[in-house]
Amino acid sequence: MAHASRRPFWFPLLGLGFAIAGADKVLGLSGYRRLSSHLGLSEQAMGLIGAGEFAGGVLVASRAGRRLGGLALTMASTAVLTSELRKGEDQLALPRSILLAASVLAAACSPARPC
């Protein structure tokens, strides 16, 4: 039982947050459509990023899929961060950088190095 209490609880929370944000992008909610347009991303690109966030978020929440989910989230976050930096949106880029770092950490998980 002590082992279960040491499991990181933040991976499922990270996954849930990404899955919700990804679903919002896939559904094309107006806020994300405006953000997509502002960042110079097409609706198709934002939908693809959203699908990556949704799938990656679901996978990161589970121990078995954490590495693959982390890779998907790393790719999606890198795409958005690149657009934010290109547009000079530093206030958006800072939180995205933190999410990217968490995604990279999840991608570093493996059977030999479980997280």
C-alpha atoms as a PDB file:
ATOM      1  CA  MET A   1       0.000   0.000   0.000  1.00  0.00           C
ATOM      2  CA  ALA A   2       2.895   2.355   0.654  1.00  0.00           C
ATOM      3  CA  HIS A   3       3.930   2.026  -2.992  1.00  0.00           C
ATOM      4  CA  ALA A   4       0.545   3.311  -4.191  1.00  0.00           C
ATOM      5  CA  SER A   5       0.868   6.431  -2.077  1.00  0.00           C
ATOM      6  CA  ARG A   6       4.183   7.267  -3.769  1.00  0.00           C
ATOM      7  CA  ARG A   7       2.711   7.276  -7.266  1.00  0.00           C
ATOM      8  CA  PRO A   8       2.799  10.735  -8.814  1.00  0.00           C
ATOM      9  CA  PHE A   9      -0.697  12.159  -8.738  1.00  0.00           C
ATOM     10  CA  TRP A  10       0.095  15.012 -11.083  1.00  0.00           C
ATOM     11  CA  PHE A  11       0.376  12.907 -14.263  1.00  0.00           C
ATOM     12  CA  PRO A  12      -3.367  12.125 -14.213  1.00  0.00           C
ATOM     13  CA  LEU A  13      -4.099  15.808 -13.486  1.00  0.00           C
ATOM     14  CA  LEU A  14      -1.827  16.899 -16.320  1.00  0.00           C
ATOM     15  CA  GLY A  15      -3.530  14.413 -18.609  1.00  0.00           C
ATOM     16  CA  LEU A  16      -6.995  15.589 -17.640  1.00  0.00           C
ATOM     17  CA  GLY A  17      -6.091  19.222 -18.278  1.00  0.00           C
ATOM     18  CA  PHE A  18      -4.637  18.450 -21.695  1.00  0.00           C
ATOM     19  CA  ALA A  19      -7.543  16.176 -22.631  1.00  0.00           C
ATOM     20  CA  ILE A  20     -10.082  18.896 -21.803  1.00  0.00           C
ATOM     21  CA  ALA A  21      -8.140  21.592 -23.669  1.00  0.00           C
ATOM     22  CA  GLY A  22      -7.653  19.248 -26.614  1.00  0.00           C
ATOM     23  CA  ALA A  23     -11.349  18.403 -26.781  1.00  0.00           C
ATOM     24  CA  ASP A  24     -12.196  22.114 -26.743  1.00  0.00           C
ATOM     25  CA  LYS A  25      -9.855  22.680 -29.689  1.00  0.00           C
ATOM     26  CA  VAL A  26     -11.226  19.703 -31.635  1.00  0.00           C
ATOM     27  CA  LEU A  27     -14.778  20.956 -31.059  1.00  0.00           C
ATOM     28  CA  GLY A  28     -13.713  24.392 -32.301  1.00  0.00           C
ATOM     29  CA  LEU A  29     -14.913  26.423 -29.345  1.00  0.00           C
ATOM     30  CA  SER A  30     -14.892  30.123 -30.169  1.00  0.00           C
ATOM     31  CA  GLY A  31     -12.066  31.032 -27.781  1.00  0.00           C
ATOM     32  CA  TYR A  32      -9.748  28.526 -29.397  1.00  0.00           C
ATOM     33  CA  ARG A  33     -10.817  29.592 -32.882  1.00  0.00           C
ATOM     34  CA  ARG A  34      -9.861  33.181 -32.036  1.00  0.00           C
ATOM     35  CA  LEU A  35      -6.581  32.064 -30.484  1.00  0.00           C
ATOM     36  CA  SER A  36      -5.829  29.886 -33.501  1.00  0.00           C
ATOM     37  CA  SER A  37      -6.444  32.780 -35.855  1.00  0.00           C
ATOM     38  CA  HIS A  38      -4.385  35.150 -33.700  1.00  0.00           C
ATOM     39  CA  LEU A  39      -1.454  32.732 -33.656  1.00  0.00           C
ATOM     40  CA  GLY A  40      -1.639  32.250 -37.416  1.00  0.00           C
ATOM     41  CA  LEU A  41      -2.763  28.627 -37.217  1.00  0.00           C
ATOM     42  CA  SER A  42      -5.422  27.240 -39.500  1.00  0.00           C
ATOM     43  CA  GLU A  43      -8.508  25.610 -38.006  1.00  0.00           C
ATOM     44  CA  GLN A  44      -7.198  22.293 -39.329  1.00  0.00           C
ATOM     45  CA  ALA A  45      -3.851  22.811 -37.563  1.00  0.00           C
ATOM     46  CA  MET A  46      -5.595  23.708 -34.303  1.00  0.00           C
ATOM     47  CA  GLY A  47      -7.815  20.635 -34.674  1.00  0.00           C
ATOM     48  CA  LEU A  48      -4.754  18.440 -35.176  1.00  0.00           C
ATOM     49  CA  ILE A  49      -3.054  19.999 -32.151  1.00  0.00           C
ATOM     50  CA  GLY A  50      -6.254  19.452 -30.172  1.00  0.00           C
ATOM     51  CA  ALA A  51      -6.413  15.802 -31.207  1.00  0.00           C
ATOM     52  CA  GLY A  52      -2.796  15.374 -30.095  1.00  0.00           C
ATOM     53  CA  GLU A  53      -3.539  17.048 -26.775  1.00  0.00           C
ATOM     54  CA  PHE A  54      -6.644  14.956 -26.211  1.00  0.00           C
ATOM     55  CA  ALA A  55      -5.013  11.626 -27.070  1.00  0.00           C
ATOM     56  CA  GLY A  56      -1.790  12.540 -25.280  1.00  0.00           C
ATOM     57  CA  GLY A  57      -3.696  13.651 -22.204  1.00  0.00           C
ATOM     58  CA  VAL A  58      -5.630  10.406 -22.004  1.00  0.00           C
ATOM     59  CA  LEU A  59      -2.428   8.394 -22.433  1.00  0.00           C
ATOM     60  CA  VAL A  60      -0.402  10.427 -19.908  1.00  0.00           C
ATOM     61  CA  ALA A  61      -3.053   9.782 -17.274  1.00  0.00           C
ATOM     62  CA  SER A  62      -2.322   6.054 -17.432  1.00  0.00           C
ATOM     63  CA  ARG A  63       0.974   4.568 -16.398  1.00  0.00           C
ATOM     64  CA  ALA A  64       1.076   2.212 -19.404  1.00  0.00           C
ATOM     65  CA  GLY A  65       0.580   4.993 -21.956  1.00  0.00           C
ATOM     66  CA  ARG A  66       2.535   7.726 -20.226  1.00  0.00           C
ATOM     67  CA  ARG A  67       5.577   7.719 -22.515  1.00  0.00           C
ATOM     68  CA  LEU A  68       3.577   7.761 -25.754  1.00  0.00           C
ATOM     69  CA  GLY A  69       1.238  10.379 -24.312  1.00  0.00           C
ATOM     70  CA  GLY A  70       4.184  12.497 -23.251  1.00  0.00           C
ATOM     71  CA  LEU A  71       5.573  12.346 -26.782  1.00  0.00           C
ATOM     72  CA  ALA A  72       2.224  13.417 -28.268  1.00  0.00           C
ATOM     73  CA  LEU A  73       1.923  16.280 -25.786  1.00  0.00           C
ATOM     74  CA  THR A  74       5.510  17.342 -26.433  1.00  0.00           C
ATOM     75  CA  MET A  75       4.800  17.623 -30.155  1.00  0.00           C
ATOM     76  CA  ALA A  76       1.516  19.487 -29.647  1.00  0.00           C
ATOM     77  CA  SER A  77       3.006  21.875 -27.073  1.00  0.00           C
ATOM     78  CA  THR A  78       6.034  22.554 -29.240  1.00  0.00           C
ATOM     79  CA  ALA A  79       3.769  23.530 -32.146  1.00  0.00           C
ATOM     80  CA  VAL A  80       1.744  25.923 -30.013  1.00  0.00           C
ATOM     81  CA  LEU A  81       4.788  27.357 -28.216  1.00  0.00           C
ATOM     82  CA  THR A  82       6.491  28.028 -31.543  1.00  0.00           C
ATOM     83  CA  SER A  83       3.430  29.959 -32.737  1.00  0.00           C
ATOM     84  CA  GLU A  84       3.197  31.894 -29.472  1.00  0.00           C
ATOM     85  CA  LEU A  85       6.852  32.915 -29.612  1.00  0.00           C
ATOM     86  CA  ARG A  86       6.578  33.852 -33.282  1.00  0.00           C
ATOM     87  CA  LYS A  87       3.706  36.199 -32.385  1.00  0.00           C
ATOM     88  CA  GLY A  88       5.519  37.645 -29.368  1.00  0.00           C
ATOM     89  CA  GLU A  89       2.959  36.243 -26.909  1.00  0.00           C
ATOM     90  CA  ASP A  90       5.331  35.904 -23.971  1.00  0.00           C
ATOM     91  CA  GLN A  91       2.508  35.784 -21.415  1.00  0.00           C
ATOM     92  CA  LEU A  92       1.145  32.690 -23.177  1.00  0.00           C
ATOM     93  CA  ALA A  93       4.561  31.189 -23.893  1.00  0.00           C
ATOM     94  CA  LEU A  94       5.669  30.989 -20.252  1.00  0.00           C
ATOM     95  CA  PRO A  95       2.842  28.695 -19.049  1.00  0.00           C
ATOM     96  CA  ARG A  96       3.138  26.691 -22.285  1.00  0.00           C
ATOM     97  CA  SER A  97       6.861  26.205 -21.567  1.00  0.00           C
ATOM     98  CA  ILE A  98       5.986  24.717 -18.182  1.00  0.00           C
ATOM     99  CA  LEU A  99       3.461  22.375 -19.805  1.00  0.00           C
ATOM    100  CA  LEU A 100       6.078  21.422 -22.393  1.00  0.00           C
ATOM    101  CA  ALA A 101       8.567  20.587 -19.627  1.00  0.00           C
ATOM    102  CA  ALA A 102       5.972  18.383 -17.901  1.00  0.00           C
ATOM    103  CA  SER A 103       5.246  16.681 -21.226  1.00  0.00           C
ATOM    104  CA  VAL A 104       8.940  15.968 -21.774  1.00  0.00           C
ATOM    105  CA  LEU A 105       9.161  14.504 -18.272  1.00  0.00           C
ATOM    106  CA  ALA A 106       6.224  12.207 -19.028  1.00  0.00           C
ATOM    107  CA  ALA A 107       7.872  11.195 -22.320  1.00  0.00           C
ATOM    108  CA  ALA A 108      10.998  10.225 -20.365  1.00  0.00           C
ATOM    109  CA  CYS A 109       9.033   7.557 -18.483  1.00  0.00           C
ATOM    110  CA  SER A 110       9.671   3.983 -19.567  1.00  0.00           C
ATOM    111  CA  PRO A 111       9.386   0.458 -18.191  1.00  0.00           C
ATOM    112  CA  ALA A 112      13.018   0.740 -17.089  1.00  0.00           C
ATOM    113  CA  ARG A 113      12.346   4.155 -15.530  1.00  0.00           C
ATOM    114  CA  PRO A 114       8.713   4.237 -14.406  1.00  0.00           C
ATOM    115  CA  CYS A 115       7.202   7.522 -13.310  1.00  0.00           C
END
